[in-house]
Amino acid sequence: MHAAVPSRRLLALLSIAAYALVFTVFHFYERIGLGLGHFYYVAIALAALSGGTWLGGGGGALAAVLYMVGVAVNPHIPNSSLRTEGTLVRAATYIAIGALIGWFATRHRQMVAELRILADRDTLTGLPNTRAFESAVDRRLKEARPFLLLVAELTDLDRGAVPPDERLRAAANHLLLRLEPTDEVARIGPREFAVIVSGGGESPRRTAGKLEALLAQSGAPSTVGWASHPRDAENALSLYRAANERLYARKIVLAGSRPRALQDAGAG
């Protein structure tokens, strides 16, 4: 679960309110030496957090202008105080602080976005992982449209000269290239892939057979189970269980047919 943080729009609104509040208080209550103008830093920080480097710097410049206007309209502060080096120093400080906070806010957002991408990706294949797969299923369920969930378990990964990791990567790349753009694929286990296929027009068994053929072409034989929404189940857990049950049932059937095939080959 992501931590709840204020939205950028809310931060921008709070920044505008802070500018207005500080300007009003400064106009009526500022006296020489009181330093109410320091509260502009709050408004600047909010602007920088909402908009990044440029908005932070612009917020600092706005604070400098409002400060000077406040001095000009405040009868308790002599206007001559504006014609000093302190005015330039204050303006430079406002702008620098705004730009600095905005830069850090931008970098933070970029890092969070990258971490979220990495958190949803399988490190070996680059495919979406189990977490992303669950989100994809939930999204499909909310759309309330028919879809097919396929679960493929790769077999014989340890046989042959090609390392298992290379076979997994090859299978993932092959699926990405050959599946339809509307299909979604994820790696959900050490040797398991899940595919979500839109619609329900084609026979699920035939679709599962196509997926087995695609994986076989990549050099990774597999056994595929399936579950159809809403016919087989109406929630993510039940769909996955139904697909898994068909997968293991098919494995049992295939395991039972192998000795018979070997006997036929021996008889020949």
Protein backbone atom coordinates (compact mmCIF):
# COMPACT_ATOMS: atom_id res chain seq x y z
CA MET A 1 0.00 0.00 0.00
CA HIS A 2 1.37 3.38 -1.00
CA ALA A 3 1.67 6.02 1.70
CA ALA A 4 -1.04 8.65 1.49
CA VAL A 5 0.48 11.99 0.47
CA PRO A 6 -1.18 15.28 -0.49
CA SER A 7 -1.87 15.67 -4.20
CA ARG A 8 -0.02 18.28 -6.23
CA ARG A 9 -3.25 20.17 -6.79
CA LEU A 10 -3.91 20.32 -3.04
CA LEU A 11 -0.37 21.55 -2.42
CA ALA A 12 -0.84 24.27 -5.04
CA LEU A 13 -4.10 25.41 -3.43
CA LEU A 14 -2.47 25.45 0.00
CA SER A 15 0.39 27.49 -1.44
CA ILE A 16 -1.99 30.10 -2.87
CA ALA A 17 -3.81 30.28 0.46
CA ALA A 18 -0.48 30.66 2.30
CA TYR A 19 0.62 33.53 0.04
CA ALA A 20 -2.68 35.33 0.62
CA LEU A 21 -2.59 34.75 4.38
CA VAL A 22 1.01 35.84 4.85
CA PHE A 23 0.48 38.97 2.70
CA THR A 24 -2.62 39.93 4.71
CA VAL A 25 -0.96 39.36 8.08
CA PHE A 26 2.16 41.19 6.91
CA HIS A 27 0.12 44.16 5.77
CA PHE A 28 -1.73 44.62 9.07
CA TYR A 29 0.70 43.37 11.72
CA GLU A 30 4.27 43.62 10.46
CA ARG A 31 6.55 45.94 12.41
CA ILE A 32 10.24 46.66 12.12
CA GLY A 33 12.13 43.68 13.51
CA LEU A 34 9.08 41.37 13.80
CA GLY A 35 9.95 39.30 10.70
CA LEU A 36 6.56 38.07 9.52
CA GLY A 37 7.97 37.93 6.00
CA HIS A 38 9.78 34.71 6.95
CA PHE A 39 6.44 32.90 6.74
CA TYR A 40 6.64 33.28 2.95
CA TYR A 41 9.00 30.31 3.10
CA VAL A 42 6.01 28.10 3.88
CA ALA A 43 4.17 29.29 0.78
CA ILE A 44 7.32 28.91 -1.32
CA ALA A 45 7.88 25.36 -0.08
CA LEU A 46 4.29 24.37 -0.89
CA ALA A 47 4.61 25.83 -4.39
CA ALA A 48 7.90 23.99 -4.94
CA LEU A 49 6.48 20.68 -3.72
CA SER A 50 3.52 21.02 -6.06
CA GLY A 51 5.33 22.14 -9.20
CA GLY A 52 9.03 21.35 -9.03
CA THR A 53 12.09 23.47 -9.70
CA TRP A 54 10.65 26.15 -11.96
CA LEU A 55 7.49 26.69 -9.97
CA GLY A 56 9.55 26.74 -6.78
CA GLY A 57 11.81 29.43 -8.18
CA GLY A 58 8.80 31.34 -9.49
CA GLY A 59 7.16 31.05 -6.08
CA GLY A 60 10.28 32.54 -4.53
CA ALA A 61 10.17 35.47 -6.95
CA LEU A 62 6.47 35.98 -6.21
CA ALA A 63 7.21 36.03 -2.48
CA ALA A 64 9.89 38.67 -3.04
CA VAL A 65 7.42 40.86 -5.00
CA LEU A 66 4.69 40.42 -2.39
CA TYR A 67 7.14 41.32 0.35
CA MET A 68 8.06 44.55 -1.39
CA VAL A 69 4.41 45.39 -2.05
CA GLY A 70 3.63 44.65 1.60
CA VAL A 71 6.34 47.03 2.75
CA ALA A 72 5.06 49.69 0.37
CA VAL A 73 1.48 49.51 1.68
CA ASN A 74 2.32 48.99 5.37
CA PRO A 75 2.36 52.38 7.11
CA HIS A 76 4.48 51.05 9.98
CA ILE A 77 7.49 50.19 7.81
CA PRO A 78 9.45 52.92 6.01
CA ASN A 79 9.67 52.46 2.24
CA SER A 80 13.33 53.35 2.43
CA SER A 81 13.98 49.84 3.75
CA LEU A 82 13.32 48.54 0.24
CA ARG A 83 16.27 50.43 -1.22
CA THR A 84 18.85 48.29 0.52
CA GLU A 85 21.01 45.30 -0.28
CA GLY A 86 18.85 43.27 2.10
CA THR A 87 15.99 43.38 -0.41
CA LEU A 88 18.16 41.75 -3.08
CA VAL A 89 19.50 39.19 -0.62
CA ARG A 90 15.98 38.33 0.50
CA ALA A 91 14.76 37.92 -3.10
CA ALA A 92 17.75 35.72 -3.98
CA THR A 93 17.16 33.59 -0.87
CA TYR A 94 13.47 33.14 -1.63
CA ILE A 95 14.20 32.07 -5.21
CA ALA A 96 17.07 29.78 -4.27
CA ILE A 97 15.09 28.02 -1.54
CA GLY A 98 12.10 27.55 -3.86
CA ALA A 99 14.24 26.14 -6.67
CA LEU A 100 16.14 23.83 -4.31
CA ILE A 101 13.02 22.39 -2.69
CA GLY A 102 11.40 22.02 -6.11
CA TRP A 103 14.42 20.15 -7.45
CA PHE A 104 14.38 17.72 -4.54
CA ALA A 105 10.62 17.24 -4.94
CA THR A 106 11.04 16.45 -8.65
CA ARG A 107 13.85 13.98 -8.00
CA HIS A 108 11.79 12.33 -5.27
CA ARG A 109 8.83 11.84 -7.63
CA GLN A 110 11.11 10.36 -10.28
CA MET A 111 12.65 7.93 -7.81
CA VAL A 112 9.25 6.89 -6.46
CA ALA A 113 8.00 6.30 -10.02
CA GLU A 114 11.07 4.17 -10.83
CA LEU A 115 10.68 2.18 -7.61
CA ARG A 116 7.03 1.53 -8.36
CA ILE A 117 7.96 0.22 -11.81
CA LEU A 118 10.66 -2.02 -10.32
CA ALA A 119 8.27 -3.24 -7.63
CA ASP A 120 5.86 -4.42 -10.33
CA ARG A 121 8.48 -6.11 -12.55
CA ASP A 122 10.11 -9.50 -12.51
CA THR A 123 13.88 -9.03 -12.33
CA LEU A 124 14.72 -11.95 -14.63
CA THR A 125 12.29 -11.48 -17.52
CA GLY A 126 11.21 -7.85 -17.15
CA LEU A 127 7.58 -8.97 -17.24
CA PRO A 128 5.00 -7.77 -14.72
CA ASN A 129 5.23 -9.82 -11.53
CA THR A 130 2.57 -11.35 -9.29
CA ARG A 131 1.69 -8.01 -7.72
CA ALA A 132 1.12 -6.39 -11.11
CA PHE A 133 -0.77 -9.47 -12.30
CA GLU A 134 -3.18 -9.22 -9.35
CA SER A 135 -3.78 -5.55 -10.15
CA ALA A 136 -4.45 -6.42 -13.79
CA VAL A 137 -7.01 -9.07 -12.81
CA ASP A 138 -8.71 -6.66 -10.39
CA ARG A 139 -8.88 -4.05 -13.12
CA ARG A 140 -10.45 -6.53 -15.54
CA LEU A 141 -12.99 -7.58 -12.91
CA LYS A 142 -13.99 -3.96 -12.34
CA GLU A 143 -14.54 -3.54 -16.09
CA ALA A 144 -17.10 -6.39 -15.86
CA ARG A 145 -16.21 -7.72 -19.31
CA PRO A 146 -15.51 -11.35 -20.25
CA PHE A 147 -11.87 -12.41 -20.25
CA LEU A 148 -9.83 -15.58 -20.11
CA LEU A 149 -7.12 -16.29 -17.55
CA LEU A 150 -4.40 -18.69 -18.70
CA VAL A 151 -1.75 -20.16 -16.40
CA ALA A 152 1.23 -21.81 -18.10
CA GLU A 153 3.79 -23.96 -16.26
CA LEU A 154 6.99 -24.52 -18.20
CA THR A 155 8.35 -28.07 -18.24
CA ASP A 156 11.75 -29.62 -18.81
CA LEU A 157 13.60 -26.37 -18.09
CA ASP A 158 16.61 -28.23 -16.74
CA ARG A 159 17.07 -30.40 -19.82
CA GLY A 160 19.32 -29.50 -22.71
CA ALA A 161 22.30 -27.20 -23.07
CA VAL A 162 20.36 -23.92 -22.63
CA PRO A 163 20.28 -22.67 -19.00
CA PRO A 164 16.80 -22.40 -17.43
CA ASP A 165 17.07 -18.63 -17.00
CA GLU A 166 17.80 -18.20 -20.70
CA ARG A 167 14.77 -20.31 -21.58
CA LEU A 168 12.57 -18.23 -19.29
CA ARG A 169 13.79 -15.00 -20.86
CA ALA A 170 13.33 -16.40 -24.35
CA ALA A 171 9.79 -17.53 -23.51
CA ALA A 172 8.93 -14.11 -22.07
CA ASN A 173 10.28 -12.27 -25.11
CA HIS A 174 8.45 -14.60 -27.47
CA LEU A 175 5.15 -14.03 -25.67
CA LEU A 176 5.60 -10.27 -25.75
CA LEU A 177 6.20 -10.37 -29.49
CA ARG A 178 3.46 -12.85 -30.45
CA LEU A 179 0.55 -12.08 -28.12
CA GLU A 180 -2.13 -9.59 -29.07
CA PRO A 181 -1.66 -5.96 -27.90
CA THR A 182 -4.75 -6.27 -25.70
CA ASP A 183 -3.41 -9.38 -23.94
CA GLU A 184 -1.50 -9.08 -20.66
CA VAL A 185 1.29 -11.41 -19.58
CA ALA A 186 3.07 -11.77 -16.24
CA ARG A 187 5.50 -14.10 -14.53
CA ILE A 188 3.80 -15.39 -11.38
CA GLY A 189 6.14 -18.17 -10.27
CA PRO A 190 9.59 -19.74 -10.78
CA ARG A 191 8.37 -21.42 -13.97
CA GLU A 192 4.84 -20.03 -14.34
CA PHE A 193 3.42 -17.40 -16.65
CA ALA A 194 -0.08 -15.97 -16.58
CA VAL A 195 -1.85 -14.46 -19.58
CA ILE A 196 -5.08 -12.48 -19.60
CA VAL A 197 -6.91 -12.61 -22.92
CA SER A 198 -9.71 -10.17 -23.69
CA GLY A 199 -13.13 -11.39 -24.80
CA GLY A 200 -14.53 -14.88 -24.75
CA GLY A 201 -15.40 -15.69 -28.34
CA GLU A 202 -12.84 -18.43 -28.99
CA SER A 203 -12.84 -21.77 -27.21
CA PRO A 204 -10.72 -21.56 -24.02
CA ARG A 205 -9.20 -24.95 -24.77
CA ARG A 206 -8.16 -23.77 -28.21
CA THR A 207 -6.68 -20.56 -26.79
CA ALA A 208 -4.74 -22.62 -24.25
CA GLY A 209 -3.45 -24.82 -27.06
CA LYS A 210 -2.23 -21.75 -28.95
CA LEU A 211 -0.35 -20.58 -25.87
CA GLU A 212 1.29 -23.99 -25.48
CA ALA A 213 2.31 -23.83 -29.14
CA LEU A 214 3.80 -20.34 -28.70
CA LEU A 215 5.86 -21.43 -25.73
CA ALA A 216 6.99 -24.57 -27.52
CA GLN A 217 8.25 -22.40 -30.40
CA SER A 218 10.41 -20.47 -27.92
CA GLY A 219 12.02 -23.70 -26.74
CA ALA A 220 10.04 -23.89 -23.50
CA PRO A 221 7.39 -26.66 -23.53
CA SER A 222 4.53 -26.02 -21.15
CA THR A 223 1.24 -27.16 -19.73
CA VAL A 224 -1.56 -24.58 -19.71
CA GLY A 225 -4.69 -24.32 -17.60
CA TRP A 226 -7.46 -21.79 -18.02
CA ALA A 227 -10.43 -20.14 -16.36
CA SER A 228 -13.08 -17.95 -17.96
CA HIS A 229 -14.71 -14.91 -16.38
CA PRO A 230 -17.57 -14.80 -15.56
CA ARG A 231 -18.44 -18.39 -16.46
CA ASP A 232 -15.95 -20.17 -14.16
CA ALA A 233 -15.60 -17.59 -11.39
CA GLU A 234 -16.22 -13.95 -10.55
CA ASN A 235 -13.25 -13.14 -8.32
CA ALA A 236 -9.49 -13.30 -8.75
CA LEU A 237 -8.75 -16.11 -6.30
CA SER A 238 -11.44 -18.42 -7.70
CA LEU A 239 -10.29 -17.75 -11.24
CA TYR A 240 -6.70 -18.62 -10.39
CA ARG A 241 -7.77 -21.78 -8.57
CA ALA A 242 -9.91 -22.89 -11.51
CA ALA A 243 -7.06 -22.31 -13.96
CA ASN A 244 -4.63 -24.15 -11.68
CA GLU A 245 -6.99 -27.11 -11.33
CA ARG A 246 -7.25 -27.44 -15.11
CA LEU A 247 -3.47 -27.13 -15.40
CA TYR A 248 -2.83 -30.01 -13.00
CA ALA A 249 -5.62 -32.08 -14.51
CA ARG A 250 -3.99 -31.67 -17.90
CA LYS A 251 -0.59 -32.61 -16.43
CA ILE A 252 -2.10 -35.84 -15.10
CA VAL A 253 -3.62 -36.62 -18.49
CA LEU A 254 -0.33 -35.93 -20.27
CA ALA A 255 1.61 -37.98 -17.72
CA GLY A 256 -0.77 -40.90 -18.24
CA SER A 257 -0.44 -40.74 -22.01
CA ARG A 258 3.36 -40.82 -22.08
CA PRO A 259 3.80 -44.50 -21.11
CA ARG A 260 1.23 -45.48 -23.71
CA ALA A 261 3.06 -43.48 -26.34
CA LEU A 262 6.35 -45.11 -25.37
CA GLN A 263 4.74 -48.53 -25.61
CA ASP A 264 3.41 -47.73 -29.09
CA ALA A 265 6.87 -46.54 -30.12
CA GLY A 266 8.47 -49.70 -28.76
CA ALA A 267 5.95 -51.90 -30.54
CA GLY A 268 6.71 -50.10 -33.78
